[in-house]
Amino acid sequence: MSLARVAARPSRLRVRPWQADARVAHVAPAADCLGPLTPQDVERAVDHLRAQGYTSIITAALHRAERRPFLDAGFTQAERLHLLLHPLDDLPPTRPVPGVDLRRGRRREHGHALAIDHAAFAPFWRLDEAGLTEALSATATVHFQVARAAHGIVGYAVCGRAGHRGYVQRLAVTPPYQGRGVGASLLVDGLRWLRRWGARDALVNTQEDNDRSLRLYLRSGFELQPDDLAVLHRPLEARPVPQAGGHHWSALGPGAGSEGPG
């Protein structure tokens, strides 16, 4: 599914169906929006999404300053994430994994990457095709690498660069190959690519309870940042529908009397 813009004001928010449940809208501040987002912008977006048939909303991972208009509009915290930064001035050596080679990922391998993603992450964090496409197009320059063993792809990574800042957009390894150095190999390869193409530092985030990933990032030279991230949530409450002799409440979902999100 393609990304759509929510017309609270032009280009205020980007929205797409969330990968785990198409009735849930995934929203993020648009990168090209002019001026700060306001609670009124968020409330207008909520009304628009409710009319589209969504039953709840989750946000992208937001910095502390980005959360305020959503919190003021009734959102609550669903998940917290660590934010880490790598200065890229001292990178660990590349350590090849026996029997595993790294190479550029191809478009036809998106399905293999998503299968690994679903095996590696809990349902809340899994990507679908739209999420992977967004990760691959979020920055002007992108590095999509896969780790391949004799029987097929066992891991993948997406890194992107915007100006002098790099981002580790996604890193996933199939469970049988976790703990064998595949993730570290993909990560170092991505960091070296970022530095080679002019990035001065790199950011990554990971769930607070993902101890294995946190250890990998810290071992690789990332440093925890004081400004953590949070994913926020708001259910879209039913709206009153006037009836003869009183009121009743109706919650409209995709396909229940209206078109679902496209």
C-alpha atoms as a PDB file:
ATOM      1  CA  MET A   1       0.000   0.000   0.000  1.00  0.00           C
ATOM      2  CA  SER A   2       1.261   3.454  -0.781  1.00  0.00           C
ATOM      3  CA  LEU A   3       1.695   6.250   1.705  1.00  0.00           C
ATOM      4  CA  ALA A   4      -1.019   8.876   1.880  1.00  0.00           C
ATOM      5  CA  ARG A   5      -1.101  12.382   3.271  1.00  0.00           C
ATOM      6  CA  VAL A   6      -3.583  13.369   5.950  1.00  0.00           C
ATOM      7  CA  ALA A   7      -5.197  16.668   5.056  1.00  0.00           C
ATOM      8  CA  ALA A   8      -5.252  18.251   8.504  1.00  0.00           C
ATOM      9  CA  ARG A   9      -3.210  20.981   6.859  1.00  0.00           C
ATOM     10  CA  PRO A  10      -1.251  20.215   3.698  1.00  0.00           C
ATOM     11  CA  SER A  11       1.611  17.788   4.347  1.00  0.00           C
ATOM     12  CA  ARG A  12       1.123  17.660   8.129  1.00  0.00           C
ATOM     13  CA  LEU A  13       1.221  13.879   8.552  1.00  0.00           C
ATOM     14  CA  ARG A  14       1.963  10.773   6.551  1.00  0.00           C
ATOM     15  CA  VAL A  15      -0.304   7.776   7.093  1.00  0.00           C
ATOM     16  CA  ARG A  16      -0.442   4.158   5.993  1.00  0.00           C
ATOM     17  CA  PRO A  17      -2.179   1.056   7.306  1.00  0.00           C
ATOM     18  CA  TRP A  18      -0.112  -0.572  10.004  1.00  0.00           C
ATOM     19  CA  GLN A  19       1.447  -3.883   8.984  1.00  0.00           C
ATOM     20  CA  ALA A  20       0.005  -5.868  11.890  1.00  0.00           C
ATOM     21  CA  ASP A  21      -3.603  -4.746  11.375  1.00  0.00           C
ATOM     22  CA  ALA A  22      -4.979  -2.789   8.402  1.00  0.00           C
ATOM     23  CA  ARG A  23      -7.637  -1.236  10.671  1.00  0.00           C
ATOM     24  CA  VAL A  24      -4.858   0.601  12.537  1.00  0.00           C
ATOM     25  CA  ALA A  25      -3.376   3.767  11.029  1.00  0.00           C
ATOM     26  CA  HIS A  26       0.378   4.332  11.310  1.00  0.00           C
ATOM     27  CA  VAL A  27       1.170   8.059  11.309  1.00  0.00           C
ATOM     28  CA  ALA A  28       4.342  10.128  11.273  1.00  0.00           C
ATOM     29  CA  PRO A  29       5.048  13.847  10.935  1.00  0.00           C
ATOM     30  CA  ALA A  30       5.747  14.616   7.282  1.00  0.00           C
ATOM     31  CA  ALA A  31       9.377  15.480   6.650  1.00  0.00           C
ATOM     32  CA  ASP A  32       8.438  18.461   4.457  1.00  0.00           C
ATOM     33  CA  CYS A  33       5.763  20.008   6.679  1.00  0.00           C
ATOM     34  CA  LEU A  34       6.126  23.714   7.386  1.00  0.00           C
ATOM     35  CA  GLY A  35       6.146  24.766  11.018  1.00  0.00           C
ATOM     36  CA  PRO A  36       5.562  22.682  14.149  1.00  0.00           C
ATOM     37  CA  LEU A  37       2.693  20.237  14.385  1.00  0.00           C
ATOM     38  CA  THR A  38      -0.084  21.410  16.732  1.00  0.00           C
ATOM     39  CA  PRO A  39      -2.667  19.467  18.795  1.00  0.00           C
ATOM     40  CA  GLN A  40      -5.311  20.913  16.484  1.00  0.00           C
ATOM     41  CA  ASP A  41      -3.532  19.411  13.482  1.00  0.00           C
ATOM     42  CA  VAL A  42      -3.507  16.040  15.221  1.00  0.00           C
ATOM     43  CA  GLU A  43      -7.197  16.270  16.179  1.00  0.00           C
ATOM     44  CA  ARG A  44      -8.141  17.056  12.577  1.00  0.00           C
ATOM     45  CA  ALA A  45      -6.081  14.071  11.447  1.00  0.00           C
ATOM     46  CA  VAL A  46      -7.839  11.863  14.021  1.00  0.00           C
ATOM     47  CA  ASP A  47     -11.237  12.921  12.674  1.00  0.00           C
ATOM     48  CA  HIS A  48     -10.108  12.262   9.107  1.00  0.00           C
ATOM     49  CA  LEU A  49      -8.787   8.788   9.946  1.00  0.00           C
ATOM     50  CA  ARG A  50     -11.911   7.890  11.900  1.00  0.00           C
ATOM     51  CA  ALA A  51     -13.982   8.837   8.840  1.00  0.00           C
ATOM     52  CA  GLN A  52     -11.744   6.595   6.727  1.00  0.00           C
ATOM     53  CA  GLY A  53     -12.721   3.626   8.906  1.00  0.00           C
ATOM     54  CA  TYR A  54      -9.633   3.170  11.072  1.00  0.00           C
ATOM     55  CA  THR A  55     -10.241   1.902  14.598  1.00  0.00           C
ATOM     56  CA  SER A  56      -7.033   3.159  16.240  1.00  0.00           C
ATOM     57  CA  ILE A  57      -3.784   4.994  15.516  1.00  0.00           C
ATOM     58  CA  ILE A  58      -0.155   4.368  16.372  1.00  0.00           C
ATOM     59  CA  THR A  59       2.683   6.772  15.680  1.00  0.00           C
ATOM     60  CA  ALA A  60       6.157   6.277  14.369  1.00  0.00           C
ATOM     61  CA  ALA A  61       8.911   6.421  16.989  1.00  0.00           C
ATOM     62  CA  LEU A  62       8.905  10.041  18.165  1.00  0.00           C
ATOM     63  CA  HIS A  63      11.465  12.203  19.936  1.00  0.00           C
ATOM     64  CA  ARG A  64      10.372  13.875  23.151  1.00  0.00           C
ATOM     65  CA  ALA A  65       9.714  17.226  21.452  1.00  0.00           C
ATOM     66  CA  GLU A  66       7.633  15.563  18.742  1.00  0.00           C
ATOM     67  CA  ARG A  67       5.311  13.823  21.217  1.00  0.00           C
ATOM     68  CA  ARG A  68       3.685  16.884  22.791  1.00  0.00           C
ATOM     69  CA  PRO A  69       0.962  17.598  20.179  1.00  0.00           C
ATOM     70  CA  PHE A  70      -0.002  13.906  20.152  1.00  0.00           C
ATOM     71  CA  LEU A  71      -0.103  13.666  23.956  1.00  0.00           C
ATOM     72  CA  ASP A  72      -2.208  16.834  24.101  1.00  0.00           C
ATOM     73  CA  ALA A  73      -4.579  15.199  21.609  1.00  0.00           C
ATOM     74  CA  GLY A  74      -5.175  12.176  23.831  1.00  0.00           C
ATOM     75  CA  PHE A  75      -2.465   9.748  22.725  1.00  0.00           C
ATOM     76  CA  THR A  76      -0.727   7.574  25.316  1.00  0.00           C
ATOM     77  CA  GLN A  77       2.594   5.746  25.300  1.00  0.00           C
ATOM     78  CA  ALA A  78       2.601   2.237  23.797  1.00  0.00           C
ATOM     79  CA  GLU A  79       6.317   1.455  23.585  1.00  0.00           C
ATOM     80  CA  ARG A  80       9.638   3.062  24.471  1.00  0.00           C
ATOM     81  CA  LEU A  81      12.865   2.709  22.519  1.00  0.00           C
ATOM     82  CA  HIS A  82      16.525   3.376  23.155  1.00  0.00           C
ATOM     83  CA  LEU A  83      18.161   5.906  20.839  1.00  0.00           C
ATOM     84  CA  LEU A  84      21.857   5.338  20.128  1.00  0.00           C
ATOM     85  CA  LEU A  85      24.470   7.290  18.163  1.00  0.00           C
ATOM     86  CA  HIS A  86      27.738   6.137  16.581  1.00  0.00           C
ATOM     87  CA  PRO A  87      30.360   8.843  15.853  1.00  0.00           C
ATOM     88  CA  LEU A  88      31.817   6.730  12.987  1.00  0.00           C
ATOM     89  CA  ASP A  89      35.364   7.783  13.842  1.00  0.00           C
ATOM     90  CA  ASP A  90      36.421   4.387  15.188  1.00  0.00           C
ATOM     91  CA  LEU A  91      34.732   1.435  13.515  1.00  0.00           C
ATOM     92  CA  PRO A  92      35.302  -2.186  14.510  1.00  0.00           C
ATOM     93  CA  PRO A  93      36.961  -4.457  11.937  1.00  0.00           C
ATOM     94  CA  THR A  94      34.844  -6.470   9.545  1.00  0.00           C
ATOM     95  CA  ARG A  95      34.641 -10.077  10.709  1.00  0.00           C
ATOM     96  CA  PRO A  96      33.475 -12.486   7.989  1.00  0.00           C
ATOM     97  CA  VAL A  97      31.135 -15.240   9.144  1.00  0.00           C
ATOM     98  CA  PRO A  98      32.136 -18.699   7.846  1.00  0.00           C
ATOM     99  CA  GLY A  99      29.671 -19.862   5.238  1.00  0.00           C
ATOM    100  CA  VAL A 100      27.896 -16.488   4.990  1.00  0.00           C
ATOM    101  CA  ASP A 101      28.522 -13.831   2.355  1.00  0.00           C
ATOM    102  CA  LEU A 102      27.282 -10.236   2.213  1.00  0.00           C
ATOM    103  CA  ARG A 103      26.114  -8.677  -1.028  1.00  0.00           C
ATOM    104  CA  ARG A 104      23.784  -5.999  -2.347  1.00  0.00           C
ATOM    105  CA  GLY A 105      20.126  -6.846  -1.901  1.00  0.00           C
ATOM    106  CA  ARG A 106      17.871  -6.977  -4.950  1.00  0.00           C
ATOM    107  CA  ARG A 107      14.262  -5.944  -5.361  1.00  0.00           C
ATOM    108  CA  ARG A 108      13.179  -9.519  -6.002  1.00  0.00           C
ATOM    109  CA  GLU A 109      14.569 -10.416  -2.559  1.00  0.00           C
ATOM    110  CA  HIS A 110      12.178  -8.140  -0.653  1.00  0.00           C
ATOM    111  CA  GLY A 111       9.947 -11.107   0.107  1.00  0.00           C
ATOM    112  CA  HIS A 112      12.876 -13.071   1.581  1.00  0.00           C
ATOM    113  CA  ALA A 113      13.836 -10.049   3.694  1.00  0.00           C
ATOM    114  CA  LEU A 114      10.286  -9.704   5.001  1.00  0.00           C
ATOM    115  CA  ALA A 115      10.140 -13.405   5.897  1.00  0.00           C
ATOM    116  CA  ILE A 116      13.305 -12.931   7.970  1.00  0.00           C
ATOM    117  CA  ASP A 117      11.819  -9.792   9.509  1.00  0.00           C
ATOM    118  CA  HIS A 118       8.701 -11.681  10.593  1.00  0.00           C
ATOM    119  CA  ALA A 119      10.783 -14.467  12.104  1.00  0.00           C
ATOM    120  CA  ALA A 120      13.090 -12.055  13.955  1.00  0.00           C
ATOM    121  CA  PHE A 121      10.600  -9.549  15.399  1.00  0.00           C
ATOM    122  CA  ALA A 122       7.479  -9.719  17.540  1.00  0.00           C
ATOM    123  CA  PRO A 123       4.261  -8.879  15.645  1.00  0.00           C
ATOM    124  CA  PHE A 124       4.165  -5.274  16.898  1.00  0.00           C
ATOM    125  CA  TRP A 125       7.506  -4.483  15.242  1.00  0.00           C
ATOM    126  CA  ARG A 126       7.303  -6.478  12.012  1.00  0.00           C
ATOM    127  CA  LEU A 127       7.504  -4.752   8.636  1.00  0.00           C
ATOM    128  CA  ASP A 128       5.254  -5.371   5.680  1.00  0.00           C
ATOM    129  CA  GLU A 129       6.027  -4.485   2.060  1.00  0.00           C
ATOM    130  CA  ALA A 130       4.943  -0.864   2.584  1.00  0.00           C
ATOM    131  CA  GLY A 131       7.140  -0.573   5.688  1.00  0.00           C
ATOM    132  CA  LEU A 132      10.166  -2.000   3.892  1.00  0.00           C
ATOM    133  CA  THR A 133       9.577   0.303   0.932  1.00  0.00           C
ATOM    134  CA  GLU A 134       9.412   3.254   3.330  1.00  0.00           C
ATOM    135  CA  ALA A 135      12.693   2.214   4.981  1.00  0.00           C
ATOM    136  CA  LEU A 136      14.352   1.918   1.564  1.00  0.00           C
ATOM    137  CA  SER A 137      13.105   5.323   0.421  1.00  0.00           C
ATOM    138  CA  ALA A 138      13.359   7.332   3.656  1.00  0.00           C
ATOM    139  CA  THR A 139      16.746   8.821   2.704  1.00  0.00           C
ATOM    140  CA  ALA A 140      18.261  10.048  -0.541  1.00  0.00           C
ATOM    141  CA  THR A 141      21.006   7.403  -0.426  1.00  0.00           C
ATOM    142  CA  VAL A 142      20.383   3.849   0.748  1.00  0.00           C
ATOM    143  CA  HIS A 143      22.412   0.671   1.300  1.00  0.00           C
ATOM    144  CA  PHE A 144      20.422  -2.599   1.215  1.00  0.00           C
ATOM    145  CA  GLN A 145      22.590  -5.614   2.046  1.00  0.00           C
ATOM    146  CA  VAL A 146      21.682  -9.260   2.504  1.00  0.00           C
ATOM    147  CA  ALA A 147      23.594 -12.039   4.248  1.00  0.00           C
ATOM    148  CA  ARG A 148      23.426 -15.242   2.234  1.00  0.00           C
ATOM    149  CA  ALA A 149      24.269 -18.798   3.310  1.00  0.00           C
ATOM    150  CA  ALA A 150      24.307 -21.880   1.094  1.00  0.00           C
ATOM    151  CA  HIS A 151      20.557 -22.409   1.416  1.00  0.00           C
ATOM    152  CA  GLY A 152      19.452 -18.788   1.069  1.00  0.00           C
ATOM    153  CA  ILE A 153      19.228 -15.381   2.724  1.00  0.00           C
ATOM    154  CA  VAL A 154      19.643 -15.412   6.507  1.00  0.00           C
ATOM    155  CA  GLY A 155      19.763 -11.692   7.317  1.00  0.00           C
ATOM    156  CA  TYR A 156      19.448  -8.203   5.886  1.00  0.00           C
ATOM    157  CA  ALA A 157      20.205  -4.590   6.745  1.00  0.00           C
ATOM    158  CA  VAL A 158      19.039  -1.213   5.462  1.00  0.00           C
ATOM    159  CA  CYS A 159      21.164   1.871   6.119  1.00  0.00           C
ATOM    160  CA  GLY A 160      20.508   5.338   4.756  1.00  0.00           C
ATOM    161  CA  ARG A 161      22.281   8.688   4.622  1.00  0.00           C
ATOM    162  CA  ALA A 162      20.787  12.180   4.690  1.00  0.00           C
ATOM    163  CA  GLY A 163      23.438  14.884   4.546  1.00  0.00           C
ATOM    164  CA  HIS A 164      26.131  14.086   7.111  1.00  0.00           C
ATOM    165  CA  ARG A 165      23.899  11.837   9.210  1.00  0.00           C
ATOM    166  CA  GLY A 166      23.489   8.115   8.752  1.00  0.00           C
ATOM    167  CA  TYR A 167      20.662   5.852   9.899  1.00  0.00           C
ATOM    168  CA  VAL A 168      20.495   2.140  10.555  1.00  0.00           C
ATOM    169  CA  GLN A 169      16.937   1.732   9.334  1.00  0.00           C
ATOM    170  CA  ARG A 170      16.578  -2.028   9.794  1.00  0.00           C
ATOM    171  CA  LEU A 171      18.672  -5.002  10.852  1.00  0.00           C
ATOM    172  CA  ALA A 172      17.233  -8.514  11.049  1.00  0.00           C
ATOM    173  CA  VAL A 173      18.709 -12.011  11.233  1.00  0.00           C
ATOM    174  CA  THR A 174      16.766 -15.248  11.068  1.00  0.00           C
ATOM    175  CA  PRO A 175      16.695 -16.899  14.537  1.00  0.00           C
ATOM    176  CA  PRO A 176      18.871 -19.975  13.681  1.00  0.00           C
ATOM    177  CA  TYR A 177      21.692 -17.597  12.704  1.00  0.00           C
ATOM    178  CA  GLN A 178      21.360 -15.137  15.581  1.00  0.00           C
ATOM    179  CA  GLY A 179      24.373 -15.014  17.906  1.00  0.00           C
ATOM    180  CA  ARG A 180      26.746 -16.181  15.156  1.00  0.00           C
ATOM    181  CA  GLY A 181      28.062 -12.783  14.076  1.00  0.00           C
ATOM    182  CA  VAL A 182      25.768 -12.236  11.087  1.00  0.00           C
ATOM    183  CA  GLY A 183      24.108  -9.163  12.606  1.00  0.00           C
ATOM    184  CA  ALA A 184      27.467  -7.664  13.592  1.00  0.00           C
ATOM    185  CA  SER A 185      28.825  -8.269  10.094  1.00  0.00           C
ATOM    186  CA  LEU A 186      25.837  -6.571   8.458  1.00  0.00           C
ATOM    187  CA  LEU A 187      26.006  -3.682  10.921  1.00  0.00           C
ATOM    188  CA  VAL A 188      29.718  -2.973  10.450  1.00  0.00           C
ATOM    189  CA  ASP A 189      29.319  -3.229   6.681  1.00  0.00           C
ATOM    190  CA  GLY A 190      26.551  -0.622   6.836  1.00  0.00           C
ATOM    191  CA  LEU A 191      28.496   1.712   9.110  1.00  0.00           C
ATOM    192  CA  ARG A 192      31.548   1.546   6.849  1.00  0.00           C
ATOM    193  CA  TRP A 193      29.354   2.335   3.851  1.00  0.00           C
ATOM    194  CA  LEU A 194      27.899   5.345   5.678  1.00  0.00           C
ATOM    195  CA  ARG A 195      31.336   6.724   6.553  1.00  0.00           C
ATOM    196  CA  ARG A 196      32.608   6.116   3.012  1.00  0.00           C
ATOM    197  CA  TRP A 197      29.723   8.165   1.615  1.00  0.00           C
ATOM    198  CA  GLY A 198      30.275  11.129   3.920  1.00  0.00           C
ATOM    199  CA  ALA A 199      28.226  10.462   7.054  1.00  0.00           C
ATOM    200  CA  ARG A 200      29.782  11.822  10.260  1.00  0.00           C
ATOM    201  CA  ASP A 201      27.609   9.853  12.655  1.00  0.00           C
ATOM    202  CA  ALA A 202      24.801   7.300  12.614  1.00  0.00           C
ATOM    203  CA  LEU A 203      21.611   6.801  14.606  1.00  0.00           C
ATOM    204  CA  VAL A 204      19.748   3.623  15.460  1.00  0.00           C
ATOM    205  CA  ASN A 205      16.905   2.766  17.807  1.00  0.00           C
ATOM    206  CA  THR A 206      15.884  -0.479  19.467  1.00  0.00           C
ATOM    207  CA  GLN A 207      13.159  -1.602  21.836  1.00  0.00           C
ATOM    208  CA  GLU A 208      13.914  -1.205  25.541  1.00  0.00           C
ATOM    209  CA  ASP A 209      13.469  -4.938  26.130  1.00  0.00           C
ATOM    210  CA  ASN A 210      15.617  -6.054  23.177  1.00  0.00           C
ATOM    211  CA  ASP A 211      18.745  -6.777  25.208  1.00  0.00           C
ATOM    212  CA  ARG A 212      20.493  -8.737  22.441  1.00  0.00           C
ATOM    213  CA  SER A 213      20.258  -5.857  19.966  1.00  0.00           C
ATOM    214  CA  LEU A 214      21.280  -3.312  22.588  1.00  0.00           C
ATOM    215  CA  ARG A 215      24.399  -5.350  23.429  1.00  0.00           C
ATOM    216  CA  LEU A 216      25.282  -5.594  19.725  1.00  0.00           C
ATOM    217  CA  TYR A 217      25.013  -1.839  19.220  1.00  0.00           C
ATOM    218  CA  LEU A 218      27.006  -1.009  22.344  1.00  0.00           C
ATOM    219  CA  ARG A 219      29.747  -3.495  21.403  1.00  0.00           C
ATOM    220  CA  SER A 220      29.895  -1.916  17.950  1.00  0.00           C
ATOM    221  CA  GLY A 221      30.581   1.568  19.348  1.00  0.00           C
ATOM    222  CA  PHE A 222      27.113   3.086  19.622  1.00  0.00           C
ATOM    223  CA  GLU A 223      26.389   5.319  22.614  1.00  0.00           C
ATOM    224  CA  LEU A 224      23.045   5.622  24.396  1.00  0.00           C
ATOM    225  CA  GLN A 225      21.436   9.059  24.003  1.00  0.00           C
ATOM    226  CA  PRO A 226      19.437  10.858  26.704  1.00  0.00           C
ATOM    227  CA  ASP A 227      16.574  11.638  24.289  1.00  0.00           C
ATOM    228  CA  ASP A 228      14.788   8.311  24.017  1.00  0.00           C
ATOM    229  CA  LEU A 229      11.961   7.574  21.580  1.00  0.00           C
ATOM    230  CA  ALA A 230       8.366   6.511  22.109  1.00  0.00           C
ATOM    231  CA  VAL A 231       5.580   5.026  20.036  1.00  0.00           C
ATOM    232  CA  LEU A 232       2.200   6.510  20.960  1.00  0.00           C
ATOM    233  CA  HIS A 233      -1.294   5.075  20.576  1.00  0.00           C
ATOM    234  CA  ARG A 234      -4.856   6.329  20.501  1.00  0.00           C
ATOM    235  CA  PRO A 235      -8.008   4.235  20.051  1.00  0.00           C
ATOM    236  CA  LEU A 236     -10.618   5.865  17.852  1.00  0.00           C
ATOM    237  CA  GLU A 237     -13.637   5.898  20.103  1.00  0.00           C
ATOM    238  CA  ALA A 238     -17.099   5.299  18.695  1.00  0.00           C
ATOM    239  CA  ARG A 239     -19.058   8.369  17.704  1.00  0.00           C
ATOM    240  CA  PRO A 240     -22.658   9.075  18.741  1.00  0.00           C
ATOM    241  CA  VAL A 241     -25.249   8.503  16.005  1.00  0.00           C
ATOM    242  CA  PRO A 242     -28.635  10.215  16.564  1.00  0.00           C
ATOM    243  CA  GLN A 243     -31.564   7.801  16.747  1.00  0.00           C
ATOM    244  CA  ALA A 244     -35.253   8.300  17.383  1.00  0.00           C
ATOM    245  CA  GLY A 245     -35.804   8.237  21.113  1.00  0.00           C
ATOM    246  CA  GLY A 246     -32.141   8.608  22.051  1.00  0.00           C
ATOM    247  CA  HIS A 247     -28.571   7.864  21.001  1.00  0.00           C
ATOM    248  CA  HIS A 248     -26.474   4.798  20.378  1.00  0.00           C
ATOM    249  CA  TRP A 249     -22.783   4.443  19.711  1.00  0.00           C
ATOM    250  CA  SER A 250     -21.375   3.152  16.434  1.00  0.00           C
ATOM    251  CA  ALA A 251     -17.798   2.312  15.564  1.00  0.00           C
ATOM    252  CA  LEU A 252     -17.205   2.159  11.832  1.00  0.00           C
ATOM    253  CA  GLY A 253     -14.431  -0.134  10.661  1.00  0.00           C
ATOM    254  CA  PRO A 254     -13.092  -0.786   7.171  1.00  0.00           C
ATOM    255  CA  GLY A 255     -15.730  -2.558   5.130  1.00  0.00           C
ATOM    256  CA  ALA A 256     -18.477  -1.813   7.671  1.00  0.00           C
ATOM    257  CA  GLY A 257     -20.486   0.684   5.695  1.00  0.00           C
ATOM    258  CA  SER A 258     -17.527   2.557   4.202  1.00  0.00           C
ATOM    259  CA  GLU A 259     -14.450   1.900   2.132  1.00  0.00           C
ATOM    260  CA  GLY A 260     -11.436   0.821   4.104  1.00  0.00           C
ATOM    261  CA  PRO A 261      -8.135   2.635   3.778  1.00  0.00           C
ATOM    262  CA  GLY A 262      -6.468   2.287   0.397  1.00  0.00           C
END
